[in-house]
Amino acid sequence: MTTRIGVTGATGRMGREVIDAAVDHDECEIVFAVNRNPDDRTVRGVDVESAGAFDSLLTEREPTAVIDFTGPESAVDYVEACADAGVAFVTGTTGFNDDQAAALEAASDETAVLHAPNFARGVQALVNVVGEAVRNLPGYDVELVETHHNGKRDAPSGTANRLLEEIEKNGEFTERTHGREGDAPREAGEIGVHALRAGNITGEHEIVLAGNDEEVRLTHRAEDRGVFAAGAVDAAVWIAGQKAGNYEFADVIDE
């Protein structure tokens, strides 16, 4: 069955990639694409409409799922509208504060909501193995370095925070140290966290585990944003058949 997709932030970096991925996907049809400032633009032959018409488009075009890569405030507005309309919602937006995260959770009571900080399958594999590495190397120092383009707003990245959660869950760590300056020797139980922002780097995450005169490096490097868009489209196809609830990209991968 064809998955009918709505796209938000359609003229942004990721919005354009999502449209490309959905147009090329055999099981998808884009029924609308919106942006705050559409300027009568088209992306891959898809007309971009005003985000102000989002609520009415949900009713008129009847999408199966909406894919969102915008910002925390707009993503909350979109997910609440989707919850009211009973439309599944997939978002890769990051940087939510506690209230905004709670709004996503509340929306999942009414419709299927999938939030992932990263839709690359390789990143999910990295999440799966980093916990095992930490368990197998107790007492090793752990540092995480993430690098993104110079326009990325949130730091650490959502992916970095997800990796940090997995590290903390599987080891004896008491704090995150964000960068170092001056007299700053490493303290027991800390995880060093470093965020680099430069050029148009798509995304790189590296975890360093060091001790016992050895080191282990686990690295994921995304070479094109299309990998994130393809994963988000796969998630939209998968979530279309799910009941209301809160889902992760791991659920898509596992199935």
C-alpha atoms as a PDB file:
ATOM      1  CA  MET A   1       0.000   0.000   0.000  1.00  0.00           C
ATOM      2  CA  THR A   2       1.285   3.460  -0.885  1.00  0.00           C
ATOM      3  CA  THR A   3       2.321   5.668   2.024  1.00  0.00           C
ATOM      4  CA  ARG A   4       1.004   9.209   1.581  1.00  0.00           C
ATOM      5  CA  ILE A   5       3.577  11.630   2.954  1.00  0.00           C
ATOM      6  CA  GLY A   6       3.494  15.263   4.010  1.00  0.00           C
ATOM      7  CA  VAL A   7       6.819  17.090   4.364  1.00  0.00           C
ATOM      8  CA  THR A   8       7.548  20.119   6.550  1.00  0.00           C
ATOM      9  CA  GLY A   9      10.481  22.498   6.161  1.00  0.00           C
ATOM     10  CA  ALA A  10      10.421  21.554   2.500  1.00  0.00           C
ATOM     11  CA  THR A  11      13.010  24.054   1.249  1.00  0.00           C
ATOM     12  CA  GLY A  12      15.501  23.477   4.061  1.00  0.00           C
ATOM     13  CA  ARG A  13      18.577  21.262   3.885  1.00  0.00           C
ATOM     14  CA  MET A  14      16.807  18.166   5.125  1.00  0.00           C
ATOM     15  CA  GLY A  15      13.404  18.973   3.679  1.00  0.00           C
ATOM     16  CA  ARG A  16      14.805  18.872   0.152  1.00  0.00           C
ATOM     17  CA  GLU A  17      16.579  15.597   0.907  1.00  0.00           C
ATOM     18  CA  VAL A  18      13.370  14.057   2.279  1.00  0.00           C
ATOM     19  CA  ILE A  19      11.472  15.030  -0.861  1.00  0.00           C
ATOM     20  CA  ASP A  20      14.211  13.496  -3.013  1.00  0.00           C
ATOM     21  CA  ALA A  21      14.121  10.259  -1.011  1.00  0.00           C
ATOM     22  CA  ALA A  22      10.326  10.019  -1.003  1.00  0.00           C
ATOM     23  CA  VAL A  23      10.015  10.741  -4.725  1.00  0.00           C
ATOM     24  CA  ASP A  24      12.458   7.901  -5.418  1.00  0.00           C
ATOM     25  CA  HIS A  25      10.759   5.470  -3.004  1.00  0.00           C
ATOM     26  CA  ASP A  26       8.449   2.966  -4.703  1.00  0.00           C
ATOM     27  CA  GLU A  27       6.036   2.836  -1.777  1.00  0.00           C
ATOM     28  CA  CYS A  28       5.611   6.591  -1.238  1.00  0.00           C
ATOM     29  CA  GLU A  29       3.628   9.481  -2.634  1.00  0.00           C
ATOM     30  CA  ILE A  30       4.142  13.073  -1.487  1.00  0.00           C
ATOM     31  CA  VAL A  31       0.720  14.631  -1.039  1.00  0.00           C
ATOM     32  CA  PHE A  32       1.987  18.003   0.198  1.00  0.00           C
ATOM     33  CA  ALA A  33       5.117  19.882   1.207  1.00  0.00           C
ATOM     34  CA  VAL A  34       5.103  23.046   3.305  1.00  0.00           C
ATOM     35  CA  ASN A  35       7.525  25.752   4.359  1.00  0.00           C
ATOM     36  CA  ARG A  36       7.171  28.965   6.349  1.00  0.00           C
ATOM     37  CA  ASN A  37       8.300  30.997   3.302  1.00  0.00           C
ATOM     38  CA  PRO A  38       7.379  28.957   0.226  1.00  0.00           C
ATOM     39  CA  ASP A  39       8.017  31.690  -2.372  1.00  0.00           C
ATOM     40  CA  ASP A  40       6.152  29.716  -5.053  1.00  0.00           C
ATOM     41  CA  ARG A  41       8.962  27.151  -5.143  1.00  0.00           C
ATOM     42  CA  THR A  42       9.009  23.538  -6.247  1.00  0.00           C
ATOM     43  CA  VAL A  43      11.359  20.762  -5.154  1.00  0.00           C
ATOM     44  CA  ARG A  44      11.695  17.730  -7.471  1.00  0.00           C
ATOM     45  CA  GLY A  45       8.434  18.763  -9.106  1.00  0.00           C
ATOM     46  CA  VAL A  46       6.585  19.012  -5.765  1.00  0.00           C
ATOM     47  CA  ASP A  47       4.884  22.366  -5.132  1.00  0.00           C
ATOM     48  CA  VAL A  48       5.849  23.907  -1.794  1.00  0.00           C
ATOM     49  CA  GLU A  49       2.900  25.457   0.020  1.00  0.00           C
ATOM     50  CA  SER A  50       2.601  27.740   3.023  1.00  0.00           C
ATOM     51  CA  ALA A  51       3.058  26.192   6.467  1.00  0.00           C
ATOM     52  CA  GLY A  52       0.062  28.258   7.515  1.00  0.00           C
ATOM     53  CA  ALA A  53      -2.124  25.834   5.554  1.00  0.00           C
ATOM     54  CA  PHE A  54      -0.759  22.773   7.368  1.00  0.00           C
ATOM     55  CA  ASP A  55      -3.894  21.987   9.390  1.00  0.00           C
ATOM     56  CA  SER A  56      -6.183  22.196   6.383  1.00  0.00           C
ATOM     57  CA  LEU A  57      -3.794  20.150   4.241  1.00  0.00           C
ATOM     58  CA  LEU A  58      -3.933  17.331   6.802  1.00  0.00           C
ATOM     59  CA  THR A  59      -7.686  17.183   6.256  1.00  0.00           C
ATOM     60  CA  GLU A  60      -7.789  17.775   2.516  1.00  0.00           C
ATOM     61  CA  ARG A  61      -4.836  15.623   1.364  1.00  0.00           C
ATOM     62  CA  GLU A  62      -5.117  12.851   4.004  1.00  0.00           C
ATOM     63  CA  PRO A  63      -1.435  11.970   4.452  1.00  0.00           C
ATOM     64  CA  THR A  64      -0.546   8.692   6.125  1.00  0.00           C
ATOM     65  CA  ALA A  65       2.484  10.237   7.823  1.00  0.00           C
ATOM     66  CA  VAL A  66       4.265  13.584   8.108  1.00  0.00           C
ATOM     67  CA  ILE A  67       8.074  13.851   8.071  1.00  0.00           C
ATOM     68  CA  ASP A  68       9.549  16.811   9.926  1.00  0.00           C
ATOM     69  CA  PHE A  69      13.039  18.305  10.061  1.00  0.00           C
ATOM     70  CA  THR A  70      12.436  21.873  11.204  1.00  0.00           C
ATOM     71  CA  GLY A  71      12.947  23.325  14.686  1.00  0.00           C
ATOM     72  CA  PRO A  72      11.658  22.432  18.155  1.00  0.00           C
ATOM     73  CA  GLU A  73       8.909  25.064  18.302  1.00  0.00           C
ATOM     74  CA  SER A  74       7.501  24.381  14.845  1.00  0.00           C
ATOM     75  CA  ALA A  75       7.838  20.609  15.286  1.00  0.00           C
ATOM     76  CA  VAL A  76       5.633  20.802  18.383  1.00  0.00           C
ATOM     77  CA  ASP A  77       3.011  22.758  16.444  1.00  0.00           C
ATOM     78  CA  TYR A  78       3.086  20.176  13.668  1.00  0.00           C
ATOM     79  CA  VAL A  79       2.898  17.136  15.944  1.00  0.00           C
ATOM     80  CA  GLU A  80      -0.042  18.595  17.881  1.00  0.00           C
ATOM     81  CA  ALA A  81      -1.910  19.166  14.605  1.00  0.00           C
ATOM     82  CA  CYS A  82      -1.099  15.611  13.516  1.00  0.00           C
ATOM     83  CA  ALA A  83      -2.347  14.261  16.841  1.00  0.00           C
ATOM     84  CA  ASP A  84      -5.662  16.087  16.340  1.00  0.00           C
ATOM     85  CA  ALA A  85      -5.941  14.683  12.808  1.00  0.00           C
ATOM     86  CA  GLY A  86      -4.782  11.166  13.699  1.00  0.00           C
ATOM     87  CA  VAL A  87      -1.794  11.350  11.318  1.00  0.00           C
ATOM     88  CA  ALA A  88       1.476   9.582  12.170  1.00  0.00           C
ATOM     89  CA  PHE A  89       4.451  11.882  12.760  1.00  0.00           C
ATOM     90  CA  VAL A  90       8.150  11.252  12.122  1.00  0.00           C
ATOM     91  CA  THR A  91      10.675  13.869  13.217  1.00  0.00           C
ATOM     92  CA  GLY A  92      14.433  14.189  13.175  1.00  0.00           C
ATOM     93  CA  THR A  93      14.335  17.623  14.797  1.00  0.00           C
ATOM     94  CA  THR A  94      16.645  17.965  17.810  1.00  0.00           C
ATOM     95  CA  GLY A  95      17.162  20.497  20.581  1.00  0.00           C
ATOM     96  CA  PHE A  96      13.803  20.037  22.341  1.00  0.00           C
ATOM     97  CA  ASN A  97      13.562  21.440  25.862  1.00  0.00           C
ATOM     98  CA  ASP A  98      11.711  19.503  28.572  1.00  0.00           C
ATOM     99  CA  ASP A  99       8.316  21.092  27.829  1.00  0.00           C
ATOM    100  CA  GLN A 100       8.649  20.461  24.099  1.00  0.00           C
ATOM    101  CA  ALA A 101       9.699  16.868  24.654  1.00  0.00           C
ATOM    102  CA  ALA A 102       6.651  16.453  26.899  1.00  0.00           C
ATOM    103  CA  ALA A 103       4.455  17.793  24.083  1.00  0.00           C
ATOM    104  CA  LEU A 104       5.764  15.082  21.751  1.00  0.00           C
ATOM    105  CA  GLU A 105       5.064  12.493  24.430  1.00  0.00           C
ATOM    106  CA  ALA A 106       1.520  13.815  24.895  1.00  0.00           C
ATOM    107  CA  ALA A 107       0.863  13.693  21.148  1.00  0.00           C
ATOM    108  CA  SER A 108       1.825  10.015  21.122  1.00  0.00           C
ATOM    109  CA  ASP A 109      -1.295   9.296  23.180  1.00  0.00           C
ATOM    110  CA  GLU A 110      -3.348  10.207  20.100  1.00  0.00           C
ATOM    111  CA  THR A 111      -1.187   9.090  17.166  1.00  0.00           C
ATOM    112  CA  ALA A 112       2.022   7.246  16.319  1.00  0.00           C
ATOM    113  CA  VAL A 113       5.063   9.472  16.926  1.00  0.00           C
ATOM    114  CA  LEU A 114       8.633   8.530  16.035  1.00  0.00           C
ATOM    115  CA  HIS A 115      11.419  10.865  17.128  1.00  0.00           C
ATOM    116  CA  ALA A 116      15.024  10.011  16.314  1.00  0.00           C
ATOM    117  CA  PRO A 117      18.063  12.255  16.574  1.00  0.00           C
ATOM    118  CA  ASN A 118      19.602  10.359  13.666  1.00  0.00           C
ATOM    119  CA  PHE A 119      18.090   8.197  10.926  1.00  0.00           C
ATOM    120  CA  ALA A 120      21.335   6.640   9.679  1.00  0.00           C
ATOM    121  CA  ARG A 121      21.307   2.875  10.075  1.00  0.00           C
ATOM    122  CA  GLY A 122      25.014   2.979  10.894  1.00  0.00           C
ATOM    123  CA  VAL A 123      24.367   5.275  13.838  1.00  0.00           C
ATOM    124  CA  GLN A 124      21.832   2.820  15.217  1.00  0.00           C
ATOM    125  CA  ALA A 125      24.482   0.124  14.930  1.00  0.00           C
ATOM    126  CA  LEU A 126      26.891   2.420  16.793  1.00  0.00           C
ATOM    127  CA  VAL A 127      24.344   2.922  19.577  1.00  0.00           C
ATOM    128  CA  ASN A 128      23.975  -0.843  19.816  1.00  0.00           C
ATOM    129  CA  VAL A 129      27.704  -1.548  20.151  1.00  0.00           C
ATOM    130  CA  VAL A 130      28.890   1.373  22.307  1.00  0.00           C
ATOM    131  CA  GLY A 131      27.159   0.029  25.407  1.00  0.00           C
ATOM    132  CA  GLU A 132      28.812  -3.348  24.931  1.00  0.00           C
ATOM    133  CA  ALA A 133      32.202  -1.678  24.527  1.00  0.00           C
ATOM    134  CA  VAL A 134      31.757   0.284  27.762  1.00  0.00           C
ATOM    135  CA  ARG A 135      30.694  -2.852  29.664  1.00  0.00           C
ATOM    136  CA  ASN A 136      33.682  -4.781  28.338  1.00  0.00           C
ATOM    137  CA  LEU A 137      36.157  -2.019  29.210  1.00  0.00           C
ATOM    138  CA  PRO A 138      35.305  -0.961  32.786  1.00  0.00           C
ATOM    139  CA  GLY A 139      37.437   1.859  34.125  1.00  0.00           C
ATOM    140  CA  TYR A 140      38.546   3.071  30.693  1.00  0.00           C
ATOM    141  CA  ASP A 141      38.412   6.822  30.031  1.00  0.00           C
ATOM    142  CA  VAL A 142      35.673   7.807  27.588  1.00  0.00           C
ATOM    143  CA  GLU A 143      35.636  10.859  25.325  1.00  0.00           C
ATOM    144  CA  LEU A 144      33.065  11.757  22.678  1.00  0.00           C
ATOM    145  CA  VAL A 145      33.722  14.159  19.811  1.00  0.00           C
ATOM    146  CA  GLU A 146      30.986  15.224  17.402  1.00  0.00           C
ATOM    147  CA  THR A 147      31.413  17.426  14.340  1.00  0.00           C
ATOM    148  CA  HIS A 148      28.745  19.155  12.248  1.00  0.00           C
ATOM    149  CA  HIS A 149      28.324  22.012   9.782  1.00  0.00           C
ATOM    150  CA  ASN A 150      28.625  25.578  11.014  1.00  0.00           C
ATOM    151  CA  GLY A 151      24.869  26.189  10.933  1.00  0.00           C
ATOM    152  CA  LYS A 152      23.861  23.495  13.421  1.00  0.00           C
ATOM    153  CA  ARG A 153      22.284  25.090  16.461  1.00  0.00           C
ATOM    154  CA  ASP A 154      22.158  22.486  19.234  1.00  0.00           C
ATOM    155  CA  ALA A 155      25.305  21.242  20.956  1.00  0.00           C
ATOM    156  CA  PRO A 156      25.952  18.513  21.771  1.00  0.00           C
ATOM    157  CA  SER A 157      24.023  17.053  18.863  1.00  0.00           C
ATOM    158  CA  GLY A 158      20.975  14.900  19.464  1.00  0.00           C
ATOM    159  CA  THR A 159      22.952  11.888  18.277  1.00  0.00           C
ATOM    160  CA  ALA A 160      25.756  12.671  20.727  1.00  0.00           C
ATOM    161  CA  ASN A 161      23.256  12.873  23.573  1.00  0.00           C
ATOM    162  CA  ARG A 162      21.774   9.516  22.567  1.00  0.00           C
ATOM    163  CA  LEU A 163      25.252   7.955  22.563  1.00  0.00           C
ATOM    164  CA  LEU A 164      26.024   9.546  25.926  1.00  0.00           C
ATOM    165  CA  GLU A 165      22.854   8.068  27.398  1.00  0.00           C
ATOM    166  CA  GLU A 166      23.955   4.617  26.256  1.00  0.00           C
ATOM    167  CA  ILE A 167      27.455   5.128  27.680  1.00  0.00           C
ATOM    168  CA  GLU A 168      26.090   6.276  31.036  1.00  0.00           C
ATOM    169  CA  LYS A 169      23.627   3.405  31.197  1.00  0.00           C
ATOM    170  CA  ASN A 170      26.394   0.835  30.776  1.00  0.00           C
ATOM    171  CA  GLY A 171      29.244   2.314  32.832  1.00  0.00           C
ATOM    172  CA  GLU A 172      30.030   4.063  36.093  1.00  0.00           C
ATOM    173  CA  PHE A 173      30.028   7.705  35.070  1.00  0.00           C
ATOM    174  CA  THR A 174      29.010  10.659  37.210  1.00  0.00           C
ATOM    175  CA  GLU A 175      29.290  13.722  34.978  1.00  0.00           C
ATOM    176  CA  ARG A 176      29.789  15.101  31.493  1.00  0.00           C
ATOM    177  CA  THR A 177      32.639  17.559  31.006  1.00  0.00           C
ATOM    178  CA  HIS A 178      32.034  19.813  28.008  1.00  0.00           C
ATOM    179  CA  GLY A 179      35.439  20.840  26.682  1.00  0.00           C
ATOM    180  CA  ARG A 180      38.363  21.731  28.892  1.00  0.00           C
ATOM    181  CA  GLU A 181      40.195  24.956  29.652  1.00  0.00           C
ATOM    182  CA  GLY A 182      43.018  25.980  31.959  1.00  0.00           C
ATOM    183  CA  ASP A 183      44.027  23.637  34.768  1.00  0.00           C
ATOM    184  CA  ALA A 184      41.608  20.814  34.003  1.00  0.00           C
ATOM    185  CA  PRO A 185      42.976  17.350  34.728  1.00  0.00           C
ATOM    186  CA  ARG A 186      40.613  14.508  34.017  1.00  0.00           C
ATOM    187  CA  GLU A 187      38.407  13.516  36.958  1.00  0.00           C
ATOM    188  CA  ALA A 188      37.283   9.996  37.722  1.00  0.00           C
ATOM    189  CA  GLY A 189      33.830   9.190  36.383  1.00  0.00           C
ATOM    190  CA  GLU A 190      33.677  11.947  33.799  1.00  0.00           C
ATOM    191  CA  ILE A 191      32.880  11.684  30.086  1.00  0.00           C
ATOM    192  CA  GLY A 192      34.584  14.291  27.954  1.00  0.00           C
ATOM    193  CA  VAL A 193      32.237  15.836  25.392  1.00  0.00           C
ATOM    194  CA  HIS A 194      33.437  18.019  22.531  1.00  0.00           C
ATOM    195  CA  ALA A 195      31.337  19.686  19.824  1.00  0.00           C
ATOM    196  CA  LEU A 196      32.976  20.975  16.627  1.00  0.00           C
ATOM    197  CA  ARG A 197      31.146  23.207  14.137  1.00  0.00           C
ATOM    198  CA  ALA A 198      32.834  23.904  10.818  1.00  0.00           C
ATOM    199  CA  GLY A 199      32.117  24.291   7.109  1.00  0.00           C
ATOM    200  CA  ASN A 200      29.470  22.031   5.634  1.00  0.00           C
ATOM    201  CA  ILE A 201      30.413  18.802   7.437  1.00  0.00           C
ATOM    202  CA  THR A 202      27.400  16.496   7.349  1.00  0.00           C
ATOM    203  CA  GLY A 203      28.022  14.716  10.639  1.00  0.00           C
ATOM    204  CA  GLU A 204      30.661  12.717  12.446  1.00  0.00           C
ATOM    205  CA  HIS A 205      30.634  11.061  15.869  1.00  0.00           C
ATOM    206  CA  GLU A 206      33.620   9.364  17.496  1.00  0.00           C
ATOM    207  CA  ILE A 207      33.829   7.660  20.885  1.00  0.00           C
ATOM    208  CA  VAL A 208      37.314   7.077  22.300  1.00  0.00           C
ATOM    209  CA  LEU A 209      37.823   4.505  25.067  1.00  0.00           C
ATOM    210  CA  ALA A 210      41.342   4.494  26.496  1.00  0.00           C
ATOM    211  CA  GLY A 211      43.083   2.587  29.281  1.00  0.00           C
ATOM    212  CA  ASN A 212      45.373  -0.345  29.990  1.00  0.00           C
ATOM    213  CA  ASP A 213      47.888   1.014  27.444  1.00  0.00           C
ATOM    214  CA  GLU A 214      45.388   0.702  24.595  1.00  0.00           C
ATOM    215  CA  GLU A 215      42.603   2.631  22.946  1.00  0.00           C
ATOM    216  CA  VAL A 216      39.437   1.791  21.040  1.00  0.00           C
ATOM    217  CA  ARG A 217      37.783   4.230  18.638  1.00  0.00           C
ATOM    218  CA  LEU A 218      34.219   3.832  17.416  1.00  0.00           C
ATOM    219  CA  THR A 219      33.362   6.224  14.602  1.00  0.00           C
ATOM    220  CA  HIS A 220      30.410   6.980  12.355  1.00  0.00           C
ATOM    221  CA  ARG A 221      30.760   9.437   9.499  1.00  0.00           C
ATOM    222  CA  ALA A 222      27.832  10.489   7.306  1.00  0.00           C
ATOM    223  CA  GLU A 223      29.036  11.513   3.860  1.00  0.00           C
ATOM    224  CA  ASP A 224      25.688  12.716   2.539  1.00  0.00           C
ATOM    225  CA  ARG A 225      22.472  13.981   4.167  1.00  0.00           C
ATOM    226  CA  GLY A 226      20.543  11.641   1.907  1.00  0.00           C
ATOM    227  CA  VAL A 227      21.261   8.797   4.325  1.00  0.00           C
ATOM    228  CA  PHE A 228      19.214  10.560   7.025  1.00  0.00           C
ATOM    229  CA  ALA A 229      16.374  11.308   4.625  1.00  0.00           C
ATOM    230  CA  ALA A 230      16.225   7.724   3.370  1.00  0.00           C
ATOM    231  CA  GLY A 231      15.978   6.468   6.953  1.00  0.00           C
ATOM    232  CA  ALA A 232      13.213   8.946   7.759  1.00  0.00           C
ATOM    233  CA  VAL A 233      11.221   7.824   4.720  1.00  0.00           C
ATOM    234  CA  ASP A 234      11.686   4.186   5.740  1.00  0.00           C
ATOM    235  CA  ALA A 235      10.403   5.175   9.185  1.00  0.00           C
ATOM    236  CA  ALA A 236       7.342   6.871   7.673  1.00  0.00           C
ATOM    237  CA  VAL A 237       6.488   3.761   5.658  1.00  0.00           C
ATOM    238  CA  TRP A 238       6.901   1.603   8.775  1.00  0.00           C
ATOM    239  CA  ILE A 239       4.976   3.819  11.186  1.00  0.00           C
ATOM    240  CA  ALA A 240       1.960   4.138   8.892  1.00  0.00           C
ATOM    241  CA  GLY A 241       0.651   0.807  10.169  1.00  0.00           C
ATOM    242  CA  GLN A 242       1.340   1.394  13.863  1.00  0.00           C
ATOM    243  CA  LYS A 243      -1.104   2.291  16.610  1.00  0.00           C
ATOM    244  CA  ALA A 244      -0.756   5.443  18.722  1.00  0.00           C
ATOM    245  CA  GLY A 245       2.433   5.425  20.760  1.00  0.00           C
ATOM    246  CA  ASN A 246       6.008   6.614  21.059  1.00  0.00           C
ATOM    247  CA  TYR A 247       8.521   4.889  18.764  1.00  0.00           C
ATOM    248  CA  GLU A 248      12.263   4.941  18.010  1.00  0.00           C
ATOM    249  CA  PHE A 249      14.227   4.311  14.837  1.00  0.00           C
ATOM    250  CA  ALA A 250      15.501   1.126  16.493  1.00  0.00           C
ATOM    251  CA  ASP A 251      11.947  -0.218  16.195  1.00  0.00           C
ATOM    252  CA  VAL A 252      12.119   0.238  12.415  1.00  0.00           C
ATOM    253  CA  ILE A 253      15.557  -1.389  12.181  1.00  0.00           C
ATOM    254  CA  ASP A 254      14.588  -4.315  14.398  1.00  0.00           C
ATOM    255  CA  GLU A 255      11.526  -5.142  12.357  1.00  0.00           C
END
